[in-house]
């Protein structure tokens, strides 16, 4: 389990565990004042929904395809002080009949395409995009977003150009990037992007997570509301 300041994450039935980079996504993603309803695609443990709900007094729908993961994510949410504002949905975003349009989408999708998969089917579903390819994810986001809406996505750095091209196909453009490095000596592996249909100059930030095995001051500042003092 993972104890945050205001909620608890149980994850023994979830293939995709709590990670530093997912926590960073939840803490760094900012919503505008007009945002009232958010969709969390591939909600897993419920981490991103709970992090957003802690900071913003809004409604959140959290959709998850794997039943065991859904059940544990719902348990985490039901134990939290934010349970009345988060609705858990079991299903595949590609064909789920959502009845509303959302102001914002947040997603930490499967990373790997065209790579060897392991023997664990649940882990493959969580980490590989054979069930939800990037173009399918973006099509699903476009279908559920309001015209003025935007989305936050955590994605591999080496697929950044692909994400930009696929997003532009639907008229979405990056407004901000947070590029993550585990230390100053590491090359960036993942980044977080905020996208919308507004085409403005992109703000690019870099975050080094640790130096000499210790969290950097910027990392501690970012996570202070959740688990770092």
Protein backbone atom coordinates (compact mmCIF):
# COMPACT_ATOMS: atom_id res chain seq x y z
CA UNK A 1 0.00 0.00 0.00
CA UNK A 2 1.02 3.64 -0.38
CA UNK A 3 -0.06 6.14 2.28
CA UNK A 4 -0.58 9.70 1.08
CA UNK A 5 -1.44 12.57 3.41
CA UNK A 6 -5.17 12.50 2.63
CA UNK A 7 -5.78 9.07 1.11
CA UNK A 8 -4.50 5.51 0.97
CA UNK A 9 -3.67 3.49 -2.15
CA UNK A 10 -3.99 -0.30 -1.99
CA UNK A 11 -2.45 -1.89 -5.08
CA UNK A 12 -1.93 -5.62 -4.61
CA UNK A 13 -4.54 -6.41 -7.31
CA UNK A 14 -3.25 -3.79 -9.76
CA UNK A 15 -0.58 -4.55 -12.36
CA UNK A 16 0.37 -0.89 -12.69
CA UNK A 17 1.62 0.24 -9.28
CA UNK A 18 1.98 3.76 -7.92
CA UNK A 19 5.04 5.36 -9.54
CA UNK A 20 6.94 8.58 -8.96
CA UNK A 21 6.22 9.81 -12.48
CA UNK A 22 2.46 9.22 -12.14
CA UNK A 23 2.50 11.12 -8.83
CA UNK A 24 4.32 13.96 -10.56
CA UNK A 25 1.67 14.01 -13.29
CA UNK A 26 -1.11 14.28 -10.72
CA UNK A 27 0.63 17.07 -8.82
CA UNK A 28 1.86 19.07 -11.84
CA UNK A 29 -1.32 18.96 -13.95
CA UNK A 30 -3.24 22.21 -13.56
CA UNK A 31 -6.90 22.80 -14.35
CA UNK A 32 -8.39 26.17 -15.28
CA UNK A 33 -11.13 27.88 -13.30
CA UNK A 34 -13.83 26.80 -15.76
CA UNK A 35 -13.12 23.08 -15.35
CA UNK A 36 -15.99 21.28 -13.61
CA UNK A 37 -15.87 17.69 -14.92
CA UNK A 38 -12.77 15.53 -15.56
CA UNK A 39 -12.37 12.06 -17.08
CA UNK A 40 -9.51 9.81 -15.93
CA UNK A 41 -8.84 7.21 -18.66
CA UNK A 42 -7.20 4.00 -17.43
CA UNK A 43 -7.70 5.02 -13.82
CA UNK A 44 -5.96 1.98 -12.28
CA UNK A 45 -5.49 2.42 -8.53
CA UNK A 46 -7.42 5.70 -8.64
CA UNK A 47 -4.22 7.67 -7.99
CA UNK A 48 -4.69 10.47 -10.53
CA UNK A 49 -8.38 10.91 -9.75
CA UNK A 50 -7.63 11.20 -6.04
CA UNK A 51 -4.76 13.62 -6.54
CA UNK A 52 -6.89 15.87 -8.75
CA UNK A 53 -9.87 15.63 -6.38
CA UNK A 54 -7.68 16.70 -3.45
CA UNK A 55 -6.76 19.96 -5.19
CA UNK A 56 -9.93 20.81 -7.09
CA UNK A 57 -13.59 20.80 -6.02
CA UNK A 58 -14.82 19.13 -9.22
CA UNK A 59 -16.52 15.96 -10.45
CA UNK A 60 -14.38 13.14 -11.83
CA UNK A 61 -15.29 10.00 -13.78
CA UNK A 62 -12.63 7.27 -13.61
CA UNK A 63 -12.77 4.51 -16.24
CA UNK A 64 -10.78 1.27 -16.02
CA UNK A 65 -10.90 -1.77 -18.32
CA UNK A 66 -9.53 -4.48 -15.98
CA UNK A 67 -12.14 -5.70 -13.48
CA UNK A 68 -9.80 -6.56 -10.59
CA UNK A 69 -8.00 -3.25 -10.97
CA UNK A 70 -11.32 -1.42 -11.19
CA UNK A 71 -12.50 -3.06 -7.96
CA UNK A 72 -9.36 -2.04 -6.09
CA UNK A 73 -9.40 1.47 -7.53
CA UNK A 74 -13.02 1.83 -6.43
CA UNK A 75 -12.10 0.58 -2.96
CA UNK A 76 -9.35 3.21 -2.73
CA UNK A 77 -11.74 5.93 -3.83
CA UNK A 78 -14.54 4.76 -1.52
CA UNK A 79 -12.13 4.94 1.45
CA UNK A 80 -11.15 8.52 0.59
CA UNK A 81 -12.72 11.84 1.66
CA UNK A 82 -13.38 12.57 -2.04
CA UNK A 83 -15.60 9.56 -2.78
CA UNK A 84 -18.75 11.62 -3.36
CA UNK A 85 -17.10 13.48 -6.27
CA UNK A 86 -15.52 10.50 -8.09
CA UNK A 87 -17.54 8.00 -10.10
CA UNK A 88 -15.84 4.71 -11.05
CA UNK A 89 -16.69 3.14 -14.43
CA UNK A 90 -15.78 -0.37 -15.60
CA UNK A 91 -15.27 -0.66 -19.34
CA UNK A 92 -13.27 0.02 -22.49
CA UNK A 93 -13.04 3.71 -23.39
CA UNK A 94 -13.12 2.77 -27.09
CA UNK A 95 -16.76 1.66 -26.93
CA UNK A 96 -18.07 2.93 -23.58
CA UNK A 97 -21.20 5.04 -24.00
CA UNK A 98 -20.35 8.11 -21.96
CA UNK A 99 -23.29 10.44 -21.54
CA UNK A 100 -21.42 13.68 -21.04
CA UNK A 101 -18.75 15.95 -22.45
CA UNK A 102 -15.75 16.67 -20.25
CA UNK A 103 -13.75 19.82 -19.62
CA UNK A 104 -10.51 17.87 -19.19
CA UNK A 105 -9.04 14.38 -19.55
CA UNK A 106 -6.08 12.98 -17.62
CA UNK A 107 -4.43 9.72 -18.65
CA UNK A 108 -1.34 7.63 -17.95
CA UNK A 109 -1.76 5.23 -20.88
CA UNK A 110 0.03 2.01 -21.88
CA UNK A 111 3.50 3.02 -23.07
CA UNK A 112 4.79 0.26 -25.26
CA UNK A 113 3.89 -0.47 -28.88
CA UNK A 114 5.45 -3.15 -31.08
CA UNK A 115 7.58 -4.56 -28.26
CA UNK A 116 7.85 -8.02 -26.74
CA UNK A 117 5.30 -8.69 -24.03
CA UNK A 118 5.76 -10.74 -20.89
CA UNK A 119 3.75 -13.72 -19.64
CA UNK A 120 1.53 -11.68 -17.29
CA UNK A 121 -1.65 -10.73 -19.17
CA UNK A 122 -2.73 -8.12 -16.63
CA UNK A 123 0.68 -6.43 -16.69
CA UNK A 124 0.63 -6.47 -20.49
CA UNK A 125 -2.77 -4.80 -20.49
CA UNK A 126 -1.54 -2.10 -18.12
CA UNK A 127 1.83 -1.45 -19.77
CA UNK A 128 1.40 -2.29 -23.46
CA UNK A 129 -0.87 -0.56 -25.93
CA UNK A 130 -2.11 -3.59 -27.86
CA UNK A 131 -5.58 -2.95 -26.40
CA UNK A 132 -5.40 0.84 -26.68
CA UNK A 133 -3.09 2.28 -29.30
CA UNK A 134 -2.17 5.96 -29.27
CA UNK A 135 -4.41 6.91 -32.18
CA UNK A 136 -7.34 5.10 -30.54
CA UNK A 137 -6.70 6.85 -27.23
CA UNK A 138 -6.59 10.28 -28.88
CA UNK A 139 -9.73 9.55 -30.88
CA UNK A 140 -11.48 8.58 -27.63
CA UNK A 141 -10.27 11.76 -25.93
CA UNK A 142 -11.48 13.90 -28.83
CA UNK A 143 -14.89 12.21 -28.72
CA UNK A 144 -15.50 13.00 -25.04
CA UNK A 145 -13.87 16.43 -24.73
CA UNK A 146 -15.76 19.68 -24.86
CA UNK A 147 -14.61 22.00 -27.67
CA UNK A 148 -12.71 24.14 -25.16
CA UNK A 149 -11.29 21.12 -23.29
CA UNK A 150 -7.77 19.83 -22.91
CA UNK A 151 -5.86 16.80 -21.68
CA UNK A 152 -2.84 15.74 -19.64
CA UNK A 153 -0.81 12.74 -20.76
CA UNK A 154 2.27 10.95 -19.40
CA UNK A 155 4.25 9.44 -22.28
CA UNK A 156 7.71 8.15 -23.30
CA UNK A 157 10.13 10.88 -24.35
CA UNK A 158 11.21 8.94 -27.44
CA UNK A 159 7.60 9.05 -28.74
CA UNK A 160 7.13 12.80 -28.24
CA UNK A 161 7.08 13.64 -31.95
CA UNK A 162 4.62 10.82 -32.62
CA UNK A 163 2.31 12.19 -29.92
CA UNK A 164 2.53 15.69 -31.35
CA UNK A 165 1.73 14.48 -34.87
CA UNK A 166 -1.18 12.30 -33.77
CA UNK A 167 -2.59 15.10 -31.61
CA UNK A 168 -2.30 17.67 -34.43
CA UNK A 169 -4.31 15.32 -36.63
CA UNK A 170 -7.27 16.06 -34.35
CA UNK A 171 -6.45 19.72 -33.83
CA UNK A 172 -4.73 19.47 -30.42
CA UNK A 173 -1.45 21.20 -29.65
CA UNK A 174 0.87 21.18 -26.65
CA UNK A 175 0.78 24.15 -24.29
CA UNK A 176 3.17 22.83 -21.63
CA UNK A 177 5.71 20.05 -21.20
CA UNK A 178 7.35 18.75 -18.05
CA UNK A 179 10.37 16.64 -19.01
CA UNK A 180 11.40 14.20 -16.28
CA UNK A 181 14.91 12.97 -15.46
CA UNK A 182 15.60 10.60 -12.58
CA UNK A 183 18.89 12.42 -11.99
CA UNK A 184 21.00 15.02 -13.76
CA UNK A 185 23.08 12.18 -15.21
CA UNK A 186 20.10 10.34 -16.71
CA UNK A 187 18.56 10.98 -20.10
CA UNK A 188 14.82 11.80 -19.98
CA UNK A 189 12.64 8.70 -20.30
CA UNK A 190 9.15 10.21 -19.95
CA UNK A 191 7.43 13.57 -20.10
CA UNK A 192 4.04 15.03 -19.24
CA UNK A 193 2.21 17.11 -21.81
CA UNK A 194 -0.80 19.41 -21.56
CA UNK A 195 -2.71 19.68 -24.84
CA UNK A 196 -5.66 21.73 -26.07
CA UNK A 197 -7.00 23.22 -29.30
CA UNK A 198 -5.34 26.53 -28.50
CA UNK A 199 -2.12 26.92 -30.47
CA UNK A 200 0.29 28.99 -28.37
CA UNK A 201 3.99 29.03 -27.57
CA UNK A 202 4.92 25.89 -25.62
CA UNK A 203 6.20 26.29 -22.07
CA UNK A 204 8.87 23.65 -21.37
CA UNK A 205 10.00 22.74 -17.84
CA UNK A 206 12.56 20.19 -16.72
CA UNK A 207 12.38 18.27 -13.45
CA UNK A 208 15.25 16.31 -11.96
CA UNK A 209 13.68 13.93 -9.44
CA UNK A 210 16.72 13.00 -7.31
CA UNK A 211 20.30 14.09 -6.76
CA UNK A 212 22.62 11.66 -4.96
CA UNK A 213 19.62 9.53 -4.08
CA UNK A 214 17.77 12.43 -2.38
CA UNK A 215 14.69 14.17 -3.72
CA UNK A 216 15.46 17.59 -5.18
CA UNK A 217 13.91 20.71 -3.68
CA UNK A 218 11.70 21.14 -6.75
CA UNK A 219 10.42 17.56 -6.39
CA UNK A 220 9.72 18.06 -2.67
CA UNK A 221 7.92 21.32 -3.39
CA UNK A 222 5.78 19.70 -6.09
CA UNK A 223 4.79 16.74 -3.93
CA UNK A 224 4.47 18.54 -0.59
CA UNK A 225 0.66 18.46 -0.58
CA UNK A 226 0.66 14.70 -1.07
CA UNK A 227 3.53 12.87 0.58
CA UNK A 228 6.80 14.79 0.88
CA UNK A 229 7.28 17.26 3.74
